[in-house]
Each structure stands twice: as C-alpha cells, then as structure tokens.
Amino acid sequence: MGEEARRYRVPARVHRVEQEIQKSRFLTTAAPAPTVEEARAFIARVRAEFPDATHNCWAFSVGPPGSTAQVGMSDDGEPHGTAGRPMLTALLHGGVGEVAVVVTRYFGGTLLGKGGLVRAYTGSVQQALESLPTVERVRRVRVAIELEYTSVDGVRRLLPAHEAELVAETYAATVGYQVLLPEHRLPDFHQALLDVTLGDVLVEVREEPEA
C-alpha cells in the first residue's frame, strides 16, 4: 500500500459554494463523511435546510480518495444519470476522501438539457472541491505492548518520535500499554521497541487498519 493511501486529505468542515447557470441557482454543500451513516445524516440536514428546492441531488464516497467500496448517489428527480453519477465521478477524481456533497438546485425556468445538467452538476462539485478546506487523515492502528518495568522509561521516550499516543496502561506483574500510531510507522516502532527492551517485549496489533 502506497503512502498516499495511508495519508490523504479529507474535508475539514462543512463548505458551501454557489453559482448561477442559465437562471438556475446551484448551491453546493460539501462535508466530512467518515462513515455512511454520517454521510446520510448530512444529506438529510441539507434536504431539511432547503425543503423548497427543485432538487437536492447528492453523492458520497467513504474511504480514501477514489475508493468505490462505500459510495452513494441520487439524481433526486433530475433525468436519470444527469446528476448523482456525474457528481460521484467528480468526487472520485477530486483527490479528497471521506466526502459527501449535496447540490441544491432552484430551477430558473430555462431547461439545460441532459448534457447541460451533467456539466452543471459536475462543475458544481468541482467548484466546491477547489475551495474546500481540508486536513490530513492518517490511518492509525492500535498496538498492545507488554514489557518489564525496567523498560518503561525507554519505551515512553520512543512514543513521540513515532507519533504514538498512549491510550491505556495497566500495571501488574508486567506493564501493559496500548498505543495508537500511524500505520506506516508500525515497522520502525516495532524494531525500536525490540532495541530498547533488548527483545524482552510482546507486541500485538489489536485492530486492523481502518478501511
């Protein structure tokens, strides 16, 4: 898996742009969509915000940029294939992951035709993505570590350099730590643990990388 699949851009917040095309008003709202449930909840909120709109067409892609594992789309009354599919295609080629978008249209009296609708909905999504504020999303894994008390200080000193976050700890006959760290840092972190403990450590990846 390449570095780009482990680190990618996602929406930082809800973002809205507007344009007018042949007297029709197109409002495009994009938002973070880390899960299908959150994508659908966002779509419902926008539909509730603009209940008088002619159409509230939408599309979402949950996962890394370009991933089609969890996607959805709707023409919401526009001619079949003229809104949801072009919107989803624009999302999948937009370089942003975990994103949902709703294009709200207020009809202005001029018919755009099928080709015009495809261009309008595609362009609306592209316009929103061009100005969308994003943050970096890093795939992380949870790692359970069992070590001797003599290694505690050395192991704790390793954490910042590997972007590892200590999320749980137990103290009994041995010390148990659970840490979250970026997936791509796991091999180096594992080797560093072996080095600092002289091999006297148990390491287990408790959760698979997030999809």
C-alpha atoms as a PDB file:
ATOM      1  CA  MET A   1       0.000   0.000   0.000  1.00  0.00           C
ATOM      2  CA  GLY A   2       1.393   3.372  -1.005  1.00  0.00           C
ATOM      3  CA  GLU A   3       1.954   6.324   1.258  1.00  0.00           C
ATOM      4  CA  GLU A   4      -0.899   8.177  -0.453  1.00  0.00           C
ATOM      5  CA  ALA A   5      -3.362   5.506   0.754  1.00  0.00           C
ATOM      6  CA  ARG A   6      -2.224   5.885   4.354  1.00  0.00           C
ATOM      7  CA  ARG A   7      -2.298   9.681   4.421  1.00  0.00           C
ATOM      8  CA  TYR A   8      -4.884  11.600   2.484  1.00  0.00           C
ATOM      9  CA  ARG A   9      -6.939  14.781   2.526  1.00  0.00           C
ATOM     10  CA  VAL A  10     -10.451  14.923   3.973  1.00  0.00           C
ATOM     11  CA  PRO A  11     -12.852  17.857   4.409  1.00  0.00           C
ATOM     12  CA  ALA A  12     -12.020  19.993   7.425  1.00  0.00           C
ATOM     13  CA  ARG A  13     -15.600  21.213   7.841  1.00  0.00           C
ATOM     14  CA  VAL A  14     -18.841  21.868   6.010  1.00  0.00           C
ATOM     15  CA  HIS A  15     -18.231  24.098   2.986  1.00  0.00           C
ATOM     16  CA  ARG A  16     -20.671  25.748   0.585  1.00  0.00           C
ATOM     17  CA  VAL A  17     -20.347  27.471  -2.799  1.00  0.00           C
ATOM     18  CA  GLU A  18     -22.968  28.890  -5.139  1.00  0.00           C
ATOM     19  CA  GLN A  19     -23.271  29.590  -8.841  1.00  0.00           C
ATOM     20  CA  GLU A  20     -25.991  30.510 -11.332  1.00  0.00           C
ATOM     21  CA  ILE A  21     -26.272  28.651 -14.629  1.00  0.00           C
ATOM     22  CA  GLN A  22     -28.885  29.879 -17.144  1.00  0.00           C
ATOM     23  CA  LYS A  23     -31.025  31.343 -14.367  1.00  0.00           C
ATOM     24  CA  SER A  24     -30.935  28.165 -12.240  1.00  0.00           C
ATOM     25  CA  ARG A  25     -29.299  28.573  -8.821  1.00  0.00           C
ATOM     26  CA  PHE A  26     -26.926  25.796  -7.771  1.00  0.00           C
ATOM     27  CA  LEU A  27     -25.863  25.610  -4.099  1.00  0.00           C
ATOM     28  CA  THR A  28     -23.186  23.004  -3.447  1.00  0.00           C
ATOM     29  CA  THR A  29     -22.540  21.852   0.122  1.00  0.00           C
ATOM     30  CA  ALA A  30     -19.659  19.501   0.925  1.00  0.00           C
ATOM     31  CA  ALA A  31     -18.923  17.900   4.291  1.00  0.00           C
ATOM     32  CA  PRO A  32     -16.811  15.268   6.067  1.00  0.00           C
ATOM     33  CA  ALA A  33     -18.202  11.740   5.640  1.00  0.00           C
ATOM     34  CA  PRO A  34     -16.072   9.275   7.649  1.00  0.00           C
ATOM     35  CA  THR A  35     -18.988   6.783   7.701  1.00  0.00           C
ATOM     36  CA  VAL A  36     -22.037   6.058   5.546  1.00  0.00           C
ATOM     37  CA  GLU A  37     -24.261   6.983   8.487  1.00  0.00           C
ATOM     38  CA  GLU A  38     -22.663  10.403   8.821  1.00  0.00           C
ATOM     39  CA  ALA A  39     -22.908  10.962   5.069  1.00  0.00           C
ATOM     40  CA  ARG A  40     -26.627  10.179   5.091  1.00  0.00           C
ATOM     41  CA  ALA A  41     -27.221  12.339   8.166  1.00  0.00           C
ATOM     42  CA  PHE A  42     -25.504  15.280   6.450  1.00  0.00           C
ATOM     43  CA  ILE A  43     -27.601  14.788   3.298  1.00  0.00           C
ATOM     44  CA  ALA A  44     -30.773  14.749   5.420  1.00  0.00           C
ATOM     45  CA  ARG A  45     -29.736  18.007   7.120  1.00  0.00           C
ATOM     46  CA  VAL A  46     -29.211  19.778   3.794  1.00  0.00           C
ATOM     47  CA  ARG A  47     -32.528  18.486   2.430  1.00  0.00           C
ATOM     48  CA  ALA A  48     -34.224  19.804   5.572  1.00  0.00           C
ATOM     49  CA  GLU A  49     -32.467  23.165   5.137  1.00  0.00           C
ATOM     50  CA  PHE A  50     -33.728  23.552   1.556  1.00  0.00           C
ATOM     51  CA  PRO A  51     -37.106  21.767   1.501  1.00  0.00           C
ATOM     52  CA  ASP A  52     -38.417  24.122  -1.194  1.00  0.00           C
ATOM     53  CA  ALA A  53     -35.587  23.408  -3.643  1.00  0.00           C
ATOM     54  CA  THR A  54     -36.413  21.894  -7.024  1.00  0.00           C
ATOM     55  CA  HIS A  55     -33.789  19.184  -6.432  1.00  0.00           C
ATOM     56  CA  ASN A  56     -31.329  18.157  -3.700  1.00  0.00           C
ATOM     57  CA  CYS A  57     -29.015  15.795  -5.580  1.00  0.00           C
ATOM     58  CA  TRP A  58     -26.216  14.102  -3.690  1.00  0.00           C
ATOM     59  CA  ALA A  59     -23.220  11.808  -3.756  1.00  0.00           C
ATOM     60  CA  PHE A  60     -20.724  10.499  -1.225  1.00  0.00           C
ATOM     61  CA  SER A  61     -17.582   8.401  -1.041  1.00  0.00           C
ATOM     62  CA  VAL A  62     -16.474   6.949   2.295  1.00  0.00           C
ATOM     63  CA  GLY A  63     -12.812   5.946   2.388  1.00  0.00           C
ATOM     64  CA  PRO A  64      -9.596   7.110   0.712  1.00  0.00           C
ATOM     65  CA  PRO A  65      -9.754   9.280  -2.424  1.00  0.00           C
ATOM     66  CA  GLY A  66     -11.122   7.345  -5.383  1.00  0.00           C
ATOM     67  CA  SER A  67     -12.393   4.433  -3.275  1.00  0.00           C
ATOM     68  CA  THR A  68     -15.667   2.946  -4.547  1.00  0.00           C
ATOM     69  CA  ALA A  69     -16.113   0.488  -1.661  1.00  0.00           C
ATOM     70  CA  GLN A  70     -18.761   2.646   0.051  1.00  0.00           C
ATOM     71  CA  VAL A  71     -20.425   5.156  -2.253  1.00  0.00           C
ATOM     72  CA  GLY A  72     -23.913   6.531  -2.808  1.00  0.00           C
ATOM     73  CA  MET A  73     -25.670   8.923  -5.185  1.00  0.00           C
ATOM     74  CA  SER A  74     -29.070  10.267  -6.114  1.00  0.00           C
ATOM     75  CA  ASP A  75     -30.499  12.256  -9.047  1.00  0.00           C
ATOM     76  CA  ASP A  76     -33.392  13.376  -6.809  1.00  0.00           C
ATOM     77  CA  GLY A  77     -35.803  13.803  -9.691  1.00  0.00           C
ATOM     78  CA  GLU A  78     -33.382  15.035 -12.348  1.00  0.00           C
ATOM     79  CA  PRO A  79     -33.246  12.889 -15.526  1.00  0.00           C
ATOM     80  CA  HIS A  80     -31.508   9.584 -14.812  1.00  0.00           C
ATOM     81  CA  GLY A  81     -27.737   9.814 -14.902  1.00  0.00           C
ATOM     82  CA  THR A  82     -27.537  13.605 -15.150  1.00  0.00           C
ATOM     83  CA  ALA A  83     -26.776  14.482 -11.511  1.00  0.00           C
ATOM     84  CA  GLY A  84     -25.820  11.780  -8.997  1.00  0.00           C
ATOM     85  CA  ARG A  85     -23.470   9.820 -11.272  1.00  0.00           C
ATOM     86  CA  PRO A  86     -21.593  12.897 -12.588  1.00  0.00           C
ATOM     87  CA  MET A  87     -21.337  14.225  -9.029  1.00  0.00           C
ATOM     88  CA  LEU A  88     -19.898  10.922  -7.784  1.00  0.00           C
ATOM     89  CA  THR A  89     -17.437  10.797 -10.684  1.00  0.00           C
ATOM     90  CA  ALA A  90     -16.252  14.312  -9.814  1.00  0.00           C
ATOM     91  CA  LEU A  91     -15.848  13.269  -6.171  1.00  0.00           C
ATOM     92  CA  LEU A  92     -13.864  10.153  -7.064  1.00  0.00           C
ATOM     93  CA  HIS A  93     -11.460  12.231  -9.157  1.00  0.00           C
ATOM     94  CA  GLY A  94     -11.266  15.121  -6.711  1.00  0.00           C
ATOM     95  CA  GLY A  95      -8.358  13.910  -4.571  1.00  0.00           C
ATOM     96  CA  VAL A  96     -10.340  14.124  -1.328  1.00  0.00           C
ATOM     97  CA  GLY A  97     -11.533  11.183   0.765  1.00  0.00           C
ATOM     98  CA  GLU A  98     -14.437  10.706   3.181  1.00  0.00           C
ATOM     99  CA  VAL A  99     -16.556  13.339   1.497  1.00  0.00           C
ATOM    100  CA  ALA A 100     -20.261  13.909   0.879  1.00  0.00           C
ATOM    101  CA  VAL A 101     -21.775  16.599  -1.314  1.00  0.00           C
ATOM    102  CA  VAL A 102     -25.290  17.880  -1.960  1.00  0.00           C
ATOM    103  CA  VAL A 103     -26.099  20.106  -4.940  1.00  0.00           C
ATOM    104  CA  THR A 104     -29.276  22.050  -4.281  1.00  0.00           C
ATOM    105  CA  ARG A 105     -30.932  23.396  -7.433  1.00  0.00           C
ATOM    106  CA  TYR A 106     -33.544  26.091  -7.699  1.00  0.00           C
ATOM    107  CA  PHE A 107     -34.912  25.911 -11.246  1.00  0.00           C
ATOM    108  CA  GLY A 108     -34.823  29.241 -13.043  1.00  0.00           C
ATOM    109  CA  GLY A 109     -37.107  28.491 -15.969  1.00  0.00           C
ATOM    110  CA  THR A 110     -34.525  27.546 -18.609  1.00  0.00           C
ATOM    111  CA  LEU A 111     -34.078  23.853 -19.426  1.00  0.00           C
ATOM    112  CA  LEU A 112     -30.420  22.827 -19.555  1.00  0.00           C
ATOM    113  CA  GLY A 113     -30.813  19.546 -21.413  1.00  0.00           C
ATOM    114  CA  LYS A 114     -29.092  16.334 -20.357  1.00  0.00           C
ATOM    115  CA  GLY A 115     -25.613  17.449 -21.424  1.00  0.00           C
ATOM    116  CA  GLY A 116     -26.082  20.801 -19.717  1.00  0.00           C
ATOM    117  CA  LEU A 117     -27.215  19.134 -16.494  1.00  0.00           C
ATOM    118  CA  VAL A 118     -24.199  16.804 -16.456  1.00  0.00           C
ATOM    119  CA  ARG A 119     -21.879  19.774 -16.940  1.00  0.00           C
ATOM    120  CA  ALA A 120     -23.674  21.811 -14.292  1.00  0.00           C
ATOM    121  CA  TYR A 121     -23.594  19.129 -11.605  1.00  0.00           C
ATOM    122  CA  THR A 122     -20.047  18.087 -12.430  1.00  0.00           C
ATOM    123  CA  GLY A 123     -18.880  21.684 -12.392  1.00  0.00           C
ATOM    124  CA  SER A 124     -20.679  22.419  -9.128  1.00  0.00           C
ATOM    125  CA  VAL A 125     -18.844  19.610  -7.327  1.00  0.00           C
ATOM    126  CA  GLN A 126     -15.510  20.577  -8.886  1.00  0.00           C
ATOM    127  CA  GLN A 127     -16.050  24.191  -7.824  1.00  0.00           C
ATOM    128  CA  ALA A 128     -16.729  23.108  -4.235  1.00  0.00           C
ATOM    129  CA  LEU A 129     -13.683  20.804  -4.117  1.00  0.00           C
ATOM    130  CA  GLU A 130     -11.378  23.511  -5.480  1.00  0.00           C
ATOM    131  CA  SER A 131     -12.060  25.762  -2.488  1.00  0.00           C
ATOM    132  CA  LEU A 132     -12.763  23.033   0.099  1.00  0.00           C
ATOM    133  CA  PRO A 133     -10.698  23.359   3.294  1.00  0.00           C
ATOM    134  CA  THR A 134      -9.060  20.019   4.065  1.00  0.00           C
ATOM    135  CA  VAL A 135      -6.998  18.323   6.759  1.00  0.00           C
ATOM    136  CA  GLU A 136      -4.741  15.308   6.581  1.00  0.00           C
ATOM    137  CA  ARG A 137      -6.224  11.975   7.575  1.00  0.00           C
ATOM    138  CA  VAL A 138      -3.718   9.408   8.851  1.00  0.00           C
ATOM    139  CA  ARG A 139      -4.629   5.732   9.092  1.00  0.00           C
ATOM    140  CA  ARG A 140      -3.791   4.506  12.592  1.00  0.00           C
ATOM    141  CA  VAL A 141      -3.507   1.116  14.273  1.00  0.00           C
ATOM    142  CA  ARG A 142      -3.861   0.091  17.908  1.00  0.00           C
ATOM    143  CA  VAL A 143      -0.918  -1.824  19.336  1.00  0.00           C
ATOM    144  CA  ALA A 144      -0.787  -3.712  22.636  1.00  0.00           C
ATOM    145  CA  ILE A 145       2.628  -3.852  24.291  1.00  0.00           C
ATOM    146  CA  GLU A 146       3.666  -5.967  27.285  1.00  0.00           C
ATOM    147  CA  LEU A 147       7.025  -5.095  28.845  1.00  0.00           C
ATOM    148  CA  GLU A 148       9.070  -5.259  32.003  1.00  0.00           C
ATOM    149  CA  TYR A 149       9.165  -2.367  34.472  1.00  0.00           C
ATOM    150  CA  THR A 150      12.852  -1.784  33.689  1.00  0.00           C
ATOM    151  CA  SER A 151      11.922  -0.812  30.101  1.00  0.00           C
ATOM    152  CA  VAL A 152       9.149   1.667  30.926  1.00  0.00           C
ATOM    153  CA  ASP A 153      11.202   4.860  30.652  1.00  0.00           C
ATOM    154  CA  GLY A 154      12.858   3.816  27.412  1.00  0.00           C
ATOM    155  CA  VAL A 155       9.589   2.823  25.785  1.00  0.00           C
ATOM    156  CA  ARG A 156       7.841   6.033  26.842  1.00  0.00           C
ATOM    157  CA  ARG A 157      10.646   8.061  25.289  1.00  0.00           C
ATOM    158  CA  LEU A 158      10.042   6.290  21.965  1.00  0.00           C
ATOM    159  CA  LEU A 159       6.405   7.360  21.642  1.00  0.00           C
ATOM    160  CA  PRO A 160       6.703  10.982  20.418  1.00  0.00           C
ATOM    161  CA  ALA A 161       9.211  10.172  17.683  1.00  0.00           C
ATOM    162  CA  HIS A 162       6.814   7.607  16.208  1.00  0.00           C
ATOM    163  CA  GLU A 163       3.664   9.766  16.613  1.00  0.00           C
ATOM    164  CA  ALA A 164       2.397   7.137  19.037  1.00  0.00           C
ATOM    165  CA  GLU A 165      -0.346   8.059  21.505  1.00  0.00           C
ATOM    166  CA  LEU A 166      -0.621   6.139  24.787  1.00  0.00           C
ATOM    167  CA  VAL A 167      -4.335   5.390  25.266  1.00  0.00           C
ATOM    168  CA  ALA A 168      -4.353   2.756  28.025  1.00  0.00           C
ATOM    169  CA  GLU A 169      -1.958   1.330  30.600  1.00  0.00           C
ATOM    170  CA  THR A 170      -2.044  -1.437  33.193  1.00  0.00           C
ATOM    171  CA  TYR A 171       0.439  -2.362  35.898  1.00  0.00           C
ATOM    172  CA  ALA A 172       0.649  -5.908  37.248  1.00  0.00           C
ATOM    173  CA  ALA A 173       3.499  -8.438  37.088  1.00  0.00           C
ATOM    174  CA  THR A 174       4.402  -6.670  33.846  1.00  0.00           C
ATOM    175  CA  VAL A 175       3.394  -3.352  32.309  1.00  0.00           C
ATOM    176  CA  GLY A 176       0.752  -3.253  29.594  1.00  0.00           C
ATOM    177  CA  TYR A 177       0.420  -0.338  27.201  1.00  0.00           C
ATOM    178  CA  GLN A 178      -1.997   0.275  24.370  1.00  0.00           C
ATOM    179  CA  VAL A 179      -0.922   2.884  21.853  1.00  0.00           C
ATOM    180  CA  LEU A 180      -2.338   4.352  18.664  1.00  0.00           C
ATOM    181  CA  LEU A 181       0.114   5.230  15.931  1.00  0.00           C
ATOM    182  CA  PRO A 182       0.142   5.853  12.168  1.00  0.00           C
ATOM    183  CA  GLU A 183       0.062   2.551  10.330  1.00  0.00           C
ATOM    184  CA  HIS A 184       3.131   3.333   8.238  1.00  0.00           C
ATOM    185  CA  ARG A 185       5.228   3.857  11.399  1.00  0.00           C
ATOM    186  CA  LEU A 186       4.469   0.381  12.770  1.00  0.00           C
ATOM    187  CA  PRO A 187       7.546  -1.496  11.401  1.00  0.00           C
ATOM    188  CA  ASP A 188      10.027   1.102  12.689  1.00  0.00           C
ATOM    189  CA  PHE A 189       8.218   1.363  16.018  1.00  0.00           C
ATOM    190  CA  HIS A 190       8.287  -2.407  16.450  1.00  0.00           C
ATOM    191  CA  GLN A 191      12.015  -2.510  15.761  1.00  0.00           C
ATOM    192  CA  ALA A 192      12.634   0.386  18.174  1.00  0.00           C
ATOM    193  CA  LEU A 193      10.732  -1.493  20.891  1.00  0.00           C
ATOM    194  CA  LEU A 194      12.885  -4.575  20.351  1.00  0.00           C
ATOM    195  CA  ASP A 195      16.024  -2.469  20.526  1.00  0.00           C
ATOM    196  CA  VAL A 196      15.152  -0.549  23.693  1.00  0.00           C
ATOM    197  CA  THR A 197      13.902  -3.645  25.564  1.00  0.00           C
ATOM    198  CA  LEU A 198      16.650  -5.942  24.236  1.00  0.00           C
ATOM    199  CA  GLY A 199      13.904  -8.102  22.768  1.00  0.00           C
ATOM    200  CA  ASP A 200      12.040  -8.598  26.063  1.00  0.00           C
ATOM    201  CA  VAL A 201       8.672  -7.300  24.856  1.00  0.00           C
ATOM    202  CA  LEU A 202       5.419  -8.646  23.450  1.00  0.00           C
ATOM    203  CA  VAL A 203       3.795  -6.617  20.666  1.00  0.00           C
ATOM    204  CA  GLU A 204       0.365  -7.313  19.206  1.00  0.00           C
ATOM    205  CA  VAL A 205      -1.622  -5.328  16.657  1.00  0.00           C
ATOM    206  CA  ARG A 206      -5.092  -5.380  18.195  1.00  0.00           C
ATOM    207  CA  GLU A 207      -7.090  -3.796  15.399  1.00  0.00           C
ATOM    208  CA  GLU A 208      -6.743  -3.983  11.681  1.00  0.00           C
ATOM    209  CA  PRO A 209      -6.032  -0.710   9.872  1.00  0.00           C
ATOM    210  CA  GLU A 210      -9.155   1.315   9.220  1.00  0.00           C
ATOM    211  CA  ALA A 211     -10.659   0.851   5.780  1.00  0.00           C
END
